[in-house]
Protein backbone atom coordinates (compact mmCIF):
# COMPACT_ATOMS: atom_id res chain seq x y z
CA MET A 1 -5.31 -13.94 -17.85
CA ASN A 2 -4.51 -13.71 -21.95
CA SER A 3 -4.75 -18.30 -20.96
CA TYR A 4 -8.10 -18.30 -20.82
CA TYR A 5 -8.38 -17.27 -24.32
CA GLY A 6 -6.46 -20.25 -25.13
CA SER A 7 -8.11 -22.19 -28.26
CA SER A 8 -7.70 -25.64 -27.31
CA GLU A 9 -8.68 -25.06 -23.64
CA ALA A 10 -12.06 -23.53 -25.00
CA ASP A 11 -13.12 -25.62 -27.69
CA ARG A 12 -12.81 -28.80 -25.09
CA HIS A 13 -15.10 -26.99 -22.66
CA SER A 14 -16.86 -25.50 -25.26
CA ARG A 15 -18.68 -29.23 -25.29
CA MET A 16 -18.68 -29.28 -21.42
CA PRO A 17 -22.84 -30.57 -20.54
CA LEU A 18 -24.94 -27.98 -18.93
CA SER A 19 -24.45 -29.42 -15.55
CA ASP A 20 -22.60 -26.41 -14.10
CA PRO A 21 -24.22 -23.50 -12.05
CA LEU A 22 -22.64 -21.09 -13.86
CA LEU A 23 -23.25 -22.66 -17.89
CA ARG A 24 -26.85 -23.27 -16.68
CA LEU A 25 -27.28 -19.23 -15.57
CA LEU A 26 -25.51 -18.09 -18.95
CA ASN A 27 -27.63 -20.46 -21.40
CA TYR A 28 -30.67 -18.78 -19.16
CA LEU A 29 -29.29 -15.43 -20.05
CA VAL A 30 -28.67 -16.31 -23.80
CA SER A 31 -31.92 -17.34 -24.43
CA ILE A 32 -34.16 -15.16 -26.40
CA GLU A 33 -37.13 -14.91 -24.20
CA ILE A 34 -34.67 -13.65 -21.55
CA ARG A 35 -33.11 -11.40 -24.05
CA GLU A 36 -36.39 -10.25 -24.98
CA LYS A 37 -37.52 -9.61 -20.76
CA LEU A 38 -34.54 -8.16 -20.94
CA HIS A 39 -35.11 -5.35 -23.08
CA LYS A 40 -38.69 -4.81 -22.67
CA ASP A 41 -39.27 -4.96 -18.61
CA PRO A 42 -38.81 -1.42 -17.41
CA GLY A 43 -37.88 -3.30 -13.95
CA VAL A 44 -34.91 -4.86 -15.79
CA HIS A 45 -31.75 -3.43 -16.52
CA ALA A 46 -31.54 -4.01 -20.41
CA ILE A 47 -28.34 -6.33 -21.01
CA PRO A 48 -27.25 -5.61 -25.08
CA ASN A 49 -26.87 -8.69 -27.13
CA LYS A 50 -23.25 -8.38 -28.15
CA THR A 51 -22.84 -7.94 -24.89
CA LEU A 52 -24.27 -11.56 -23.82
CA SER A 53 -22.64 -13.17 -26.54
CA SER A 54 -19.60 -11.87 -25.25
CA LEU A 55 -20.05 -13.37 -21.85
CA CYS A 56 -21.45 -17.05 -23.15
CA ASP A 57 -18.34 -17.18 -24.81
CA ILE A 58 -15.24 -15.91 -22.07
CA LEU A 59 -17.16 -17.15 -19.19
CA SER A 60 -18.10 -20.31 -20.93
CA PRO A 61 -13.92 -21.49 -21.27
CA LEU A 62 -13.18 -19.98 -17.61
CA CYS A 63 -15.43 -22.72 -16.01
CA ALA A 64 -12.72 -25.08 -17.22
CA TYR A 65 -10.02 -23.52 -14.22
CA LYS A 66 -12.23 -26.78 -11.84
CA ASP A 67 -9.88 -29.11 -13.65
CA TRP A 68 -6.33 -26.34 -13.03
CA GLN A 69 -3.90 -27.39 -10.77
CA LEU A 70 -5.17 -24.66 -8.61
CA SER A 71 -5.16 -25.20 -4.14
CA ASP A 72 -8.58 -25.00 -3.14
CA ASP A 73 -8.26 -21.88 -2.05
CA GLU A 74 -7.35 -20.48 -5.62
CA LYS A 75 -10.25 -22.27 -6.81
CA GLU A 76 -12.16 -20.93 -3.75
CA THR A 77 -11.62 -17.55 -5.13
CA VAL A 78 -12.36 -18.13 -8.67
CA THR A 79 -15.65 -19.27 -7.84
CA GLU A 80 -16.81 -16.45 -5.83
CA ALA A 81 -15.46 -13.94 -8.54
CA LEU A 82 -17.57 -15.57 -10.98
CA ARG A 83 -20.28 -16.07 -8.80
CA MET A 84 -20.76 -12.28 -7.40
CA LEU A 85 -20.07 -10.79 -10.83
CA PHE A 86 -23.15 -9.30 -11.62
CA LEU A 87 -24.88 -9.98 -8.34
CA GLN A 88 -24.44 -6.59 -7.15
CA ARG A 89 -24.99 -2.75 -8.07
CA PRO A 90 -22.36 -0.17 -6.55
CA ASN A 91 -22.88 -0.32 -2.84
CA MET A 92 -22.20 3.65 -3.26
CA SER A 93 -24.59 5.79 -2.44
CA ASP A 94 -26.62 7.28 -5.21
CA SER A 95 -25.95 10.78 -3.93
CA GLU A 96 -22.13 10.12 -3.43
CA MET A 97 -21.89 8.77 -6.81
CA ASP A 98 -23.45 12.16 -8.10
CA ALA A 99 -21.05 14.69 -5.71
CA ILE A 100 -18.34 12.64 -7.96
CA LEU A 101 -20.01 12.01 -11.17
CA LYS A 102 -20.33 16.18 -11.52
CA HIS A 103 -16.51 16.71 -11.45
CA CYS A 104 -15.85 14.17 -14.10
CA THR A 105 -15.54 15.15 -17.51
CA PRO A 106 -14.05 13.40 -20.76
CA ASP A 107 -11.02 14.91 -19.92
CA THR A 108 -10.68 14.08 -16.34
CA LYS A 109 -8.00 12.10 -15.03
CA MET A 110 -9.09 10.25 -11.79
CA VAL A 111 -7.46 8.31 -9.37
CA GLU A 112 -9.19 5.48 -7.18
CA PHE A 113 -8.80 4.30 -3.79
CA GLY A 114 -10.66 0.72 -3.32
CA SER A 115 -12.50 -0.86 -6.11
CA GLY A 116 -15.90 -2.37 -7.61
CA PHE A 117 -18.25 -1.90 -9.89
CA SER A 118 -18.52 1.89 -9.72
CA THR A 119 -15.22 1.79 -11.17
CA PHE A 120 -16.80 1.21 -14.26
CA LYS A 121 -19.02 3.88 -14.31
CA PHE A 122 -16.54 6.32 -13.45
CA ALA A 123 -14.95 4.93 -16.73
CA ASN A 124 -18.00 5.59 -19.03
CA PHE A 125 -16.81 9.55 -17.59
CA CYS A 126 -13.51 9.79 -17.10
CA LYS A 127 -10.44 10.65 -19.47
CA THR A 128 -8.52 7.71 -17.28
CA VAL A 129 -9.12 5.98 -14.38
CA HIS A 130 -6.41 4.40 -12.04
CA THR A 131 -7.39 1.79 -9.90
CA VAL A 132 -5.72 0.52 -6.48
CA GLU A 133 -6.90 -2.90 -4.61
CA HIS A 134 -6.00 -4.45 -1.60
CA GLU A 135 -8.15 -7.44 -1.24
CA TYR A 136 -7.59 -9.69 -3.69
CA LYS A 137 -11.01 -11.20 -3.82
CA TRP A 138 -12.79 -7.49 -5.37
CA PHE A 139 -9.30 -7.06 -6.83
CA SER A 140 -10.25 -10.67 -8.90
CA ARG A 141 -13.94 -9.93 -9.21
CA VAL A 142 -13.44 -6.34 -10.90
CA SER A 143 -10.15 -7.41 -13.33
CA LEU A 144 -12.52 -10.13 -14.51
CA MET A 145 -15.18 -7.62 -14.87
CA HIS A 146 -12.88 -5.68 -16.96
CA LEU A 147 -11.27 -8.26 -18.86
CA ILE A 148 -15.26 -8.91 -20.26
CA LEU A 149 -15.85 -5.44 -20.87
CA GLN A 150 -12.66 -4.77 -22.54
CA ASN A 151 -13.84 -7.95 -24.84
CA VAL A 152 -16.82 -6.06 -25.55
CA ASN A 153 -16.38 -2.33 -26.35
CA GLN A 154 -12.67 -1.91 -26.34
CA ARG A 155 -12.00 0.35 -23.40
CA GLU A 156 -8.38 1.11 -22.75
CA ASN A 157 -9.34 3.50 -20.01
CA LEU A 158 -8.75 2.54 -16.96
CA PHE A 159 -6.01 0.94 -15.27
CA LEU A 160 -6.18 -1.42 -12.24
CA TYR A 161 -3.52 -2.26 -9.56
CA TYR A 162 -3.37 -4.43 -6.99
CA ALA A 163 -1.61 -4.11 -3.68
CA LYS A 164 -1.03 -6.80 -1.00
CA GLU A 165 -1.64 -5.62 2.32
CA GLY A 166 1.15 -5.93 4.82
CA ASP A 167 1.18 -8.06 8.30
CA SER A 168 -1.78 -7.61 10.36
CA SER A 169 -0.48 -6.37 13.48
CA LEU A 170 1.33 -2.96 11.61
CA PRO A 171 -0.23 0.37 11.93
CA ASP A 172 -2.67 1.55 9.07
CA GLU A 173 0.21 3.32 7.36
CA GLU A 174 2.55 0.46 7.27
CA LYS A 175 0.48 -2.21 6.61
CA TYR A 176 -1.05 -0.79 3.71
CA SER A 177 2.07 1.12 2.22
CA ASP A 178 2.09 -0.41 -1.03
CA TYR A 179 -2.16 0.81 -1.32
CA CYS A 180 -0.88 4.23 -0.23
CA ASN A 181 1.69 4.26 -2.50
CA PHE A 182 0.50 2.81 -5.28
CA LEU A 183 1.35 6.04 -7.70
CA LYS A 184 4.86 5.91 -6.83
CA SER A 185 5.49 2.79 -7.30
CA ASN A 186 4.42 2.06 -10.30
CA ASN A 187 5.84 5.18 -11.44
CA ILE A 188 2.76 7.40 -12.70
CA HIS A 189 3.81 11.00 -12.29
CA GLU A 190 -0.04 12.81 -13.66
CA LYS A 191 -1.47 15.27 -12.17
CA PHE A 192 -5.42 13.55 -10.81
CA ASP A 193 -8.13 15.87 -11.22
CA VAL A 194 -10.43 13.72 -9.17
CA VAL A 195 -9.65 11.10 -6.11
CA SER A 196 -12.14 8.68 -4.71
CA ILE A 197 -10.74 6.84 -1.86
CA ASP A 198 -13.11 3.95 -0.61
CA GLY A 199 -10.91 1.82 0.76
CA ALA A 200 -8.42 0.96 3.61
CA ALA A 201 -6.03 3.49 5.19
CA ARG A 202 -8.61 6.40 3.85
CA PRO A 203 -6.45 9.30 6.05
CA HIS A 204 -3.50 8.29 4.69
CA CYS A 205 -4.31 7.80 1.10
CA ALA A 206 -5.48 11.44 1.06
CA LEU A 207 -2.41 12.19 2.23
CA SER A 208 0.19 10.14 -0.32
CA ILE A 209 -1.39 11.66 -3.03
CA LEU A 210 -0.76 15.29 -2.56
CA PRO A 211 2.12 15.47 -4.40
CA TYR A 212 0.00 14.08 -7.81
CA ILE A 213 -3.05 16.53 -7.35
CA HIS A 214 -3.60 20.25 -8.18
CA ASP A 215 -5.24 23.25 -6.74
CA GLU A 216 -8.73 22.56 -8.29
CA THR A 217 -8.65 18.58 -7.55
CA LYS A 218 -11.35 17.18 -5.81
CA VAL A 219 -10.48 14.35 -3.09
CA ILE A 220 -14.22 11.96 -1.77
CA ILE A 221 -13.71 10.28 1.22
CA SER A 222 -16.19 7.79 1.16
CA ASP A 223 -17.69 7.27 4.74
CA PHE A 224 -15.81 9.84 6.12
CA TRP A 225 -18.49 10.55 9.03
CA ARG A 226 -19.12 7.57 10.79
CA PRO A 227 -18.15 7.79 14.15
CA LYS A 228 -16.60 5.26 15.11
CA ARG A 229 -14.29 4.94 12.42
CA HIS A 230 -13.71 8.37 12.35
CA ALA A 231 -12.41 8.75 15.91
CA GLU A 232 -10.47 5.16 15.91
CA LYS A 233 -9.16 5.68 12.52
CA ASN A 234 -8.30 9.86 12.98
CA TYR A 235 -10.36 10.99 10.11
CA SER A 236 -10.00 14.48 11.15
CA MET A 237 -5.87 14.58 10.31
CA VAL A 238 -6.63 15.00 6.59
CA PHE A 239 -7.92 19.22 7.74
CA GLU A 240 -4.68 20.20 8.26
CA TYR A 241 -4.20 19.62 4.24
CA TYR A 242 -7.38 20.04 3.23
CA ASP A 243 -10.16 22.62 2.86
CA GLU A 244 -13.99 20.79 3.33
CA ILE A 245 -16.64 22.24 0.33
CA GLU A 246 -19.04 19.93 0.46
CA SER A 247 -20.55 17.05 3.53
CA CYS A 248 -23.34 14.37 3.75
CA LYS A 249 -23.31 13.03 7.36
CA GLU A 250 -26.30 11.08 7.61
CA GLY A 251 -26.79 7.22 6.15
CA ASN A 252 -23.60 6.02 3.33
CA SER A 253 -21.43 9.37 4.77
CA TYR A 254 -19.27 11.10 2.46
CA ILE A 255 -16.68 14.31 2.04
CA VAL A 256 -15.68 16.02 -1.01
CA LEU A 257 -12.09 18.02 -0.02
CA MET A 258 -9.69 20.23 -1.95
CA LYS A 259 -5.98 21.08 -0.75
CA LYS A 260 -5.67 24.09 1.02
CA ARG A 261 -3.36 26.89 -0.48
CA GLY A 262 -0.04 26.51 -0.46
CA VAL A 263 0.20 22.80 0.42
């Protein structure tokens, strides 16, 4: 993605007419009136002026992707990433977010299976966050957001990984083998304090990280108690290795686990 910063490309595209919907949106966001509204209206989340300026500087050249030699599918992936980038809050419920954040400190090392906008919130509270994603469109969105935020605040504690899923006819353990085992594949040998599992093959992810956690590590699995998924994906297999320490069985359910002594 560093190629986005080529000066000639940026200079050429900075003169592009504001007919592109994205550029018109950016022009709207950086207008003085909207900046004031964003800062004064209690019903609107404030966006710092520095962030708005950085967004305009970064995203305007990005629109040049329409002239790149990309396939239609590739262009659609970029288009969706740009269109959806700032249009939704974390999917995670407030109660689950609180259940995770209460175990996070400035010294916490976290690993996350399944990326999203909550990823950036975790990075604000933890020393390091290693995140793996198997769905390329999500990975594109989160990577682009990371690029923007890195430009604004020079954050260096968030590490993103993409693990391509295997043949859809395979069982989850094999289909998502690269995803579940990304720590081993990337030669990461740390012990993590908090693990968030909110993607594919959740019970298999919980088993794969056992060598990478200590006795006090908290492992949180999203949607753990959803009846159909719980039964079909054999979520109960985790209780052979983990003890339940907290649960929410209503709404967006979750469970907080710690590994059994001696495992």
